[in-house]
Amino acid sequence: MRAKTIFAYTKEEWGIGASSGGGDYNLIRSFYFSLALTILMAPVALFCLMVESVR
Protein backbone atom coordinates (compact mmCIF):
# COMPACT_ATOMS: atom_id res chain seq x y z
CA MET A 1 0.00 0.00 0.00
CA ARG A 2 1.34 3.40 -0.97
CA ALA A 3 1.12 6.33 1.44
CA LYS A 4 -0.80 9.38 0.26
CA THR A 5 1.24 12.57 0.08
CA ILE A 6 -0.40 15.59 1.66
CA PHE A 7 0.86 19.04 0.69
CA ALA A 8 0.50 21.94 3.12
CA TYR A 9 -0.08 24.56 0.40
CA THR A 10 -1.21 24.57 -3.19
CA LYS A 11 0.67 26.52 -5.88
CA GLU A 12 -2.09 29.15 -5.84
CA GLU A 13 -1.68 29.65 -2.07
CA TRP A 14 2.07 30.22 -2.42
CA GLY A 15 1.43 33.06 -4.86
CA ILE A 16 3.90 34.43 -7.39
CA GLY A 17 6.89 32.22 -8.03
CA ALA A 18 5.36 29.12 -6.54
CA SER A 19 6.32 26.90 -9.40
CA SER A 20 9.45 28.71 -10.58
CA GLY A 21 12.83 27.09 -10.23
CA GLY A 22 13.78 23.67 -9.05
CA GLY A 23 15.66 22.57 -5.99
CA ASP A 24 19.06 22.81 -7.69
CA TYR A 25 18.36 26.33 -8.95
CA ASN A 26 17.31 27.51 -5.49
CA LEU A 27 20.36 25.88 -3.90
CA ILE A 28 22.71 27.62 -6.35
CA ARG A 29 20.96 30.97 -5.88
CA SER A 30 21.22 30.56 -2.11
CA PHE A 31 24.93 29.74 -2.38
CA TYR A 32 25.67 32.86 -4.47
CA PHE A 33 23.64 35.01 -2.09
CA SER A 34 25.65 33.69 0.87
CA LEU A 35 28.88 34.26 -1.03
CA ALA A 36 27.90 37.84 -1.85
CA LEU A 37 27.03 38.55 1.78
CA THR A 38 30.36 37.15 2.91
CA ILE A 39 32.22 39.33 0.41
CA LEU A 40 30.31 42.40 1.59
CA MET A 41 30.58 41.73 5.31
CA ALA A 42 34.21 40.53 5.56
CA PRO A 43 35.79 43.99 5.10
CA VAL A 44 33.39 45.49 7.63
CA ALA A 45 34.21 42.81 10.19
CA LEU A 46 37.95 43.22 9.62
CA PHE A 47 37.66 46.99 9.96
CA CYS A 48 35.82 46.61 13.28
CA LEU A 49 38.52 44.27 14.57
CA MET A 50 41.27 46.70 13.51
CA VAL A 51 39.52 49.62 15.21
CA GLU A 52 39.14 47.62 18.44
CA SER A 53 42.81 46.62 18.43
CA VAL A 54 43.91 50.28 18.07
CA ARG A 55 42.05 51.38 21.19
PDB file of N, CA and C in Angstrom:
ATOM      1  N   MET A   1       0.848  -1.180   0.000  1.00  0.00           N
ATOM      2  CA  MET A   1       0.000   0.000   0.000  1.00  0.00           C
ATOM      3  C   MET A   1       0.892   1.242   0.000  1.00  0.00           C
ATOM      4  N   ARG A   2       0.545   2.183  -0.824  1.00  0.00           N
ATOM      5  CA  ARG A   2       1.342   3.398  -0.965  1.00  0.00           C
ATOM      6  C   ARG A   2       0.741   4.512  -0.125  1.00  0.00           C
ATOM      7  N   ALA A   3       1.599   5.234   0.591  1.00  0.00           N
ATOM      8  CA  ALA A   3       1.123   6.326   1.438  1.00  0.00           C
ATOM      9  C   ALA A   3       0.709   7.512   0.572  1.00  0.00           C
ATOM     10  N   LYS A   4      -0.326   8.207   0.987  1.00  0.00           N
ATOM     11  CA  LYS A   4      -0.804   9.377   0.260  1.00  0.00           C
ATOM     12  C   LYS A   4      -0.017  10.597   0.729  1.00  0.00           C
ATOM     13  N   THR A   5       0.495  11.364  -0.243  1.00  0.00           N
ATOM     14  CA  THR A   5       1.238  12.571   0.077  1.00  0.00           C
ATOM     15  C   THR A   5       0.271  13.723   0.269  1.00  0.00           C
ATOM     16  N   ILE A   6       0.442  14.430   1.372  1.00  0.00           N
ATOM     17  CA  ILE A   6      -0.404  15.590   1.659  1.00  0.00           C
ATOM     18  C   ILE A   6       0.477  16.828   1.635  1.00  0.00           C
ATOM     19  N   PHE A   7       0.105  17.796   0.799  1.00  0.00           N
ATOM     20  CA  PHE A   7       0.862  19.037   0.688  1.00  0.00           C
ATOM     21  C   PHE A   7       0.207  20.104   1.545  1.00  0.00           C
ATOM     22  N   ALA A   8       1.031  20.918   2.221  1.00  0.00           N
ATOM     23  CA  ALA A   8       0.499  21.939   3.115  1.00  0.00           C
ATOM     24  C   ALA A   8      -0.143  23.083   2.344  1.00  0.00           C
ATOM     25  N   TYR A   9       0.433  23.441   1.177  1.00  0.00           N
ATOM     26  CA  TYR A   9      -0.080  24.561   0.402  1.00  0.00           C
ATOM     27  C   TYR A   9      -0.166  24.181  -1.069  1.00  0.00           C
ATOM     28  N   THR A  10      -1.128  24.743  -1.751  1.00  0.00           N
ATOM     29  CA  THR A  10      -1.207  24.573  -3.193  1.00  0.00           C
ATOM     30  C   THR A  10      -0.375  25.652  -3.858  1.00  0.00           C
ATOM     31  N   LYS A  11      -0.113  25.520  -5.157  1.00  0.00           N
ATOM     32  CA  LYS A  11       0.671  26.524  -5.876  1.00  0.00           C
ATOM     33  C   LYS A  11      -0.033  27.875  -5.833  1.00  0.00           C
ATOM     34  N   GLU A  12      -1.339  27.890  -5.884  1.00  0.00           N
ATOM     35  CA  GLU A  12      -2.089  29.147  -5.840  1.00  0.00           C
ATOM     36  C   GLU A  12      -1.922  29.839  -4.489  1.00  0.00           C
ATOM     37  N   GLU A  13      -1.839  29.060  -3.407  1.00  0.00           N
ATOM     38  CA  GLU A  13      -1.684  29.651  -2.074  1.00  0.00           C
ATOM     39  C   GLU A  13      -0.290  30.238  -1.868  1.00  0.00           C
ATOM     40  N   TRP A  14       0.720  29.680  -2.538  1.00  0.00           N
ATOM     41  CA  TRP A  14       2.071  30.215  -2.419  1.00  0.00           C
ATOM     42  C   TRP A  14       2.184  31.564  -3.109  1.00  0.00           C
ATOM     43  N   GLY A  15       1.402  31.783  -4.150  1.00  0.00           N
ATOM     44  CA  GLY A  15       1.434  33.062  -4.862  1.00  0.00           C
ATOM     45  C   GLY A  15       2.462  33.074  -5.966  1.00  0.00           C
ATOM     46  N   ILE A  16       2.961  34.261  -6.283  1.00  0.00           N
ATOM     47  CA  ILE A  16       3.904  34.434  -7.393  1.00  0.00           C
ATOM     48  C   ILE A  16       5.178  33.654  -7.115  1.00  0.00           C
ATOM     49  N   GLY A  17       5.643  32.952  -8.132  1.00  0.00           N
ATOM     50  CA  GLY A  17       6.895  32.216  -8.026  1.00  0.00           C
ATOM     51  C   GLY A  17       6.752  30.861  -7.374  1.00  0.00           C
ATOM     52  N   ALA A  18       5.548  30.406  -7.217  1.00  0.00           N
ATOM     53  CA  ALA A  18       5.356  29.125  -6.538  1.00  0.00           C
ATOM     54  C   ALA A  18       5.964  27.975  -7.315  1.00  0.00           C
ATOM     55  N   SER A  19       5.838  28.021  -8.615  1.00  0.00           N
ATOM     56  CA  SER A  19       6.319  26.895  -9.405  1.00  0.00           C
ATOM     57  C   SER A  19       7.619  27.197 -10.121  1.00  0.00           C
ATOM     58  N   SER A  20       8.229  28.354  -9.862  1.00  0.00           N
ATOM     59  CA  SER A  20       9.448  28.706 -10.581  1.00  0.00           C
ATOM     60  C   SER A  20      10.664  28.091  -9.916  1.00  0.00           C
ATOM     61  N   GLY A  21      11.567  27.614 -10.740  1.00  0.00           N
ATOM     62  CA  GLY A  21      12.829  27.092 -10.228  1.00  0.00           C
ATOM     63  C   GLY A  21      12.692  25.729  -9.584  1.00  0.00           C
ATOM     64  N   GLY A  22      13.757  24.974  -9.706  1.00  0.00           N
ATOM     65  CA  GLY A  22      13.783  23.672  -9.054  1.00  0.00           C
ATOM     66  C   GLY A  22      14.651  23.740  -7.821  1.00  0.00           C
ATOM     67  N   GLY A  23      14.845  22.611  -7.198  1.00  0.00           N
ATOM     68  CA  GLY A  23      15.661  22.565  -5.991  1.00  0.00           C
ATOM     69  C   GLY A  23      17.095  22.966  -6.246  1.00  0.00           C
ATOM     70  N   ASP A  24      17.666  22.487  -7.377  1.00  0.00           N
ATOM     71  CA  ASP A  24      19.055  22.814  -7.689  1.00  0.00           C
ATOM     72  C   ASP A  24      19.220  24.301  -7.928  1.00  0.00           C
ATOM     73  N   TYR A  25      18.279  24.900  -8.650  1.00  0.00           N
ATOM     74  CA  TYR A  25      18.361  26.335  -8.947  1.00  0.00           C
ATOM     75  C   TYR A  25      18.317  27.140  -7.654  1.00  0.00           C
ATOM     76  N   ASN A  26      17.420  26.786  -6.752  1.00  0.00           N
ATOM     77  CA  ASN A  26      17.306  27.512  -5.487  1.00  0.00           C
ATOM     78  C   ASN A  26      18.548  27.327  -4.629  1.00  0.00           C
ATOM     79  N   LEU A  27      19.138  26.145  -4.667  1.00  0.00           N
ATOM     80  CA  LEU A  27      20.363  25.884  -3.904  1.00  0.00           C
ATOM     81  C   LEU A  27      21.511  26.739  -4.430  1.00  0.00           C
ATOM     82  N   ILE A  28      21.637  26.822  -5.750  1.00  0.00           N
ATOM     83  CA  ILE A  28      22.707  27.617  -6.352  1.00  0.00           C
ATOM     84  C   ILE A  28      22.495  29.094  -6.052  1.00  0.00           C
ATOM     85  N   ARG A  29      21.249  29.558  -6.164  1.00  0.00           N
ATOM     86  CA  ARG A  29      20.955  30.966  -5.884  1.00  0.00           C
ATOM     87  C   ARG A  29      21.264  31.280  -4.423  1.00  0.00           C
ATOM     88  N   SER A  30      20.941  30.364  -3.526  1.00  0.00           N
ATOM     89  CA  SER A  30      21.217  30.557  -2.107  1.00  0.00           C
ATOM     90  C   SER A  30      22.726  30.604  -1.853  1.00  0.00           C
ATOM     91  N   PHE A  31      23.477  29.756  -2.541  1.00  0.00           N
ATOM     92  CA  PHE A  31      24.928  29.743  -2.384  1.00  0.00           C
ATOM     93  C   PHE A  31      25.528  31.075  -2.814  1.00  0.00           C
ATOM     94  N   TYR A  32      25.120  31.586  -3.976  1.00  0.00           N
ATOM     95  CA  TYR A  32      25.670  32.855  -4.466  1.00  0.00           C
ATOM     96  C   TYR A  32      25.261  34.023  -3.576  1.00  0.00           C
ATOM     97  N   PHE A  33      24.071  33.968  -3.015  1.00  0.00           N
ATOM     98  CA  PHE A  33      23.638  35.013  -2.091  1.00  0.00           C
ATOM     99  C   PHE A  33      24.510  34.994  -0.833  1.00  0.00           C
ATOM    100  N   SER A  34      24.787  33.813  -0.306  1.00  0.00           N
ATOM    101  CA  SER A  34      25.649  33.691   0.871  1.00  0.00           C
ATOM    102  C   SER A  34      27.065  34.155   0.559  1.00  0.00           C
ATOM    103  N   LEU A  35      27.550  33.827  -0.621  1.00  0.00           N
ATOM    104  CA  LEU A  35      28.880  34.256  -1.034  1.00  0.00           C
ATOM    105  C   LEU A  35      28.950  35.779  -1.150  1.00  0.00           C
ATOM    106  N   ALA A  36      27.932  36.383  -1.722  1.00  0.00           N
ATOM    107  CA  ALA A  36      27.899  37.841  -1.853  1.00  0.00           C
ATOM    108  C   ALA A  36      27.858  38.516  -0.487  1.00  0.00           C
ATOM    109  N   LEU A  37      27.077  37.979   0.427  1.00  0.00           N
ATOM    110  CA  LEU A  37      27.030  38.551   1.777  1.00  0.00           C
ATOM    111  C   LEU A  37      28.373  38.447   2.479  1.00  0.00           C
ATOM    112  N   THR A  38      29.046  37.328   2.299  1.00  0.00           N
ATOM    113  CA  THR A  38      30.362  37.153   2.907  1.00  0.00           C
ATOM    114  C   THR A  38      31.348  38.169   2.350  1.00  0.00           C
ATOM    115  N   ILE A  39      31.314  38.370   1.033  1.00  0.00           N
ATOM    116  CA  ILE A  39      32.224  39.333   0.409  1.00  0.00           C
ATOM    117  C   ILE A  39      31.928  40.747   0.903  1.00  0.00           C
ATOM    118  N   LEU A  40      30.667  41.069   1.110  1.00  0.00           N
ATOM    119  CA  LEU A  40      30.311  42.401   1.586  1.00  0.00           C
ATOM    120  C   LEU A  40      30.635  42.603   3.067  1.00  0.00           C
ATOM    121  N   MET A  41      30.449  41.571   3.870  1.00  0.00           N
ATOM    122  CA  MET A  41      30.584  41.727   5.312  1.00  0.00           C
ATOM    123  C   MET A  41      32.011  41.521   5.819  1.00  0.00           C
ATOM    124  N   ALA A  42      32.845  40.796   5.092  1.00  0.00           N
ATOM    125  CA  ALA A  42      34.208  40.527   5.558  1.00  0.00           C
ATOM    126  C   ALA A  42      35.015  41.804   5.779  1.00  0.00           C
ATOM    127  N   PRO A  43      35.025  42.759   4.841  1.00  0.00           N
ATOM    128  CA  PRO A  43      35.790  43.987   5.102  1.00  0.00           C
ATOM    129  C   PRO A  43      35.263  44.767   6.304  1.00  0.00           C
ATOM    130  N   VAL A  44      33.971  44.774   6.485  1.00  0.00           N
ATOM    131  CA  VAL A  44      33.387  45.492   7.629  1.00  0.00           C
ATOM    132  C   VAL A  44      33.834  44.841   8.938  1.00  0.00           C
ATOM    133  N   ALA A  45      33.796  43.519   8.982  1.00  0.00           N
ATOM    134  CA  ALA A  45      34.215  42.808  10.192  1.00  0.00           C
ATOM    135  C   ALA A  45      35.698  43.034  10.474  1.00  0.00           C
ATOM    136  N   LEU A  46      36.514  42.982   9.431  1.00  0.00           N
ATOM    137  CA  LEU A  46      37.949  43.216   9.624  1.00  0.00           C
ATOM    138  C   LEU A  46      38.221  44.639  10.090  1.00  0.00           C
ATOM    139  N   PHE A  47      37.504  45.604   9.533  1.00  0.00           N
ATOM    140  CA  PHE A  47      37.660  46.988   9.956  1.00  0.00           C
ATOM    141  C   PHE A  47      37.313  47.159  11.432  1.00  0.00           C
ATOM    142  N   CYS A  48      36.220  46.525  11.863  1.00  0.00           N
ATOM    143  CA  CYS A  48      35.820  46.610  13.280  1.00  0.00           C
ATOM    144  C   CYS A  48      36.888  46.005  14.181  1.00  0.00           C
ATOM    145  N   LEU A  49      37.472  44.902  13.763  1.00  0.00           N
ATOM    146  CA  LEU A  49      38.520  44.275  14.566  1.00  0.00           C
ATOM    147  C   LEU A  49      39.771  45.160  14.625  1.00  0.00           C
ATOM    148  N   MET A  50      40.102  45.818  13.518  1.00  0.00           N
ATOM    149  CA  MET A  50      41.267  46.702  13.508  1.00  0.00           C
ATOM    150  C   MET A  50      41.038  47.908  14.399  1.00  0.00           C
ATOM    151  N   VAL A  51      39.828  48.466  14.378  1.00  0.00           N
ATOM    152  CA  VAL A  51      39.525  49.624  15.213  1.00  0.00           C
ATOM    153  C   VAL A  51      39.596  49.242  16.689  1.00  0.00           C
ATOM    154  N   GLU A  52      39.103  48.074  17.042  1.00  0.00           N
ATOM    155  CA  GLU A  52      39.139  47.616  18.442  1.00  0.00           C
ATOM    156  C   GLU A  52      40.583  47.395  18.899  1.00  0.00           C
ATOM    157  N   SER A  53      41.435  46.896  18.016  1.00  0.00           N
ATOM    158  CA  SER A  53      42.810  46.623  18.434  1.00  0.00           C
ATOM    159  C   SER A  53      43.624  47.909  18.593  1.00  0.00           C
ATOM    160  N   VAL A  54      43.215  48.993  17.946  1.00  0.00           N
ATOM    161  CA  VAL A  54      43.914  50.279  18.074  1.00  0.00           C
ATOM    162  C   VAL A  54      43.618  50.928  19.408  1.00  0.00           C
ATOM    163  N   ARG A  55      42.425  50.742  19.916  1.00  0.00           N
ATOM    164  CA  ARG A  55      42.047  51.382  21.190  1.00  0.00           C
ATOM    165  C   ARG A  55      42.807  50.843  22.358  1.00  0.00           C
TER     166      ARG A  55
END
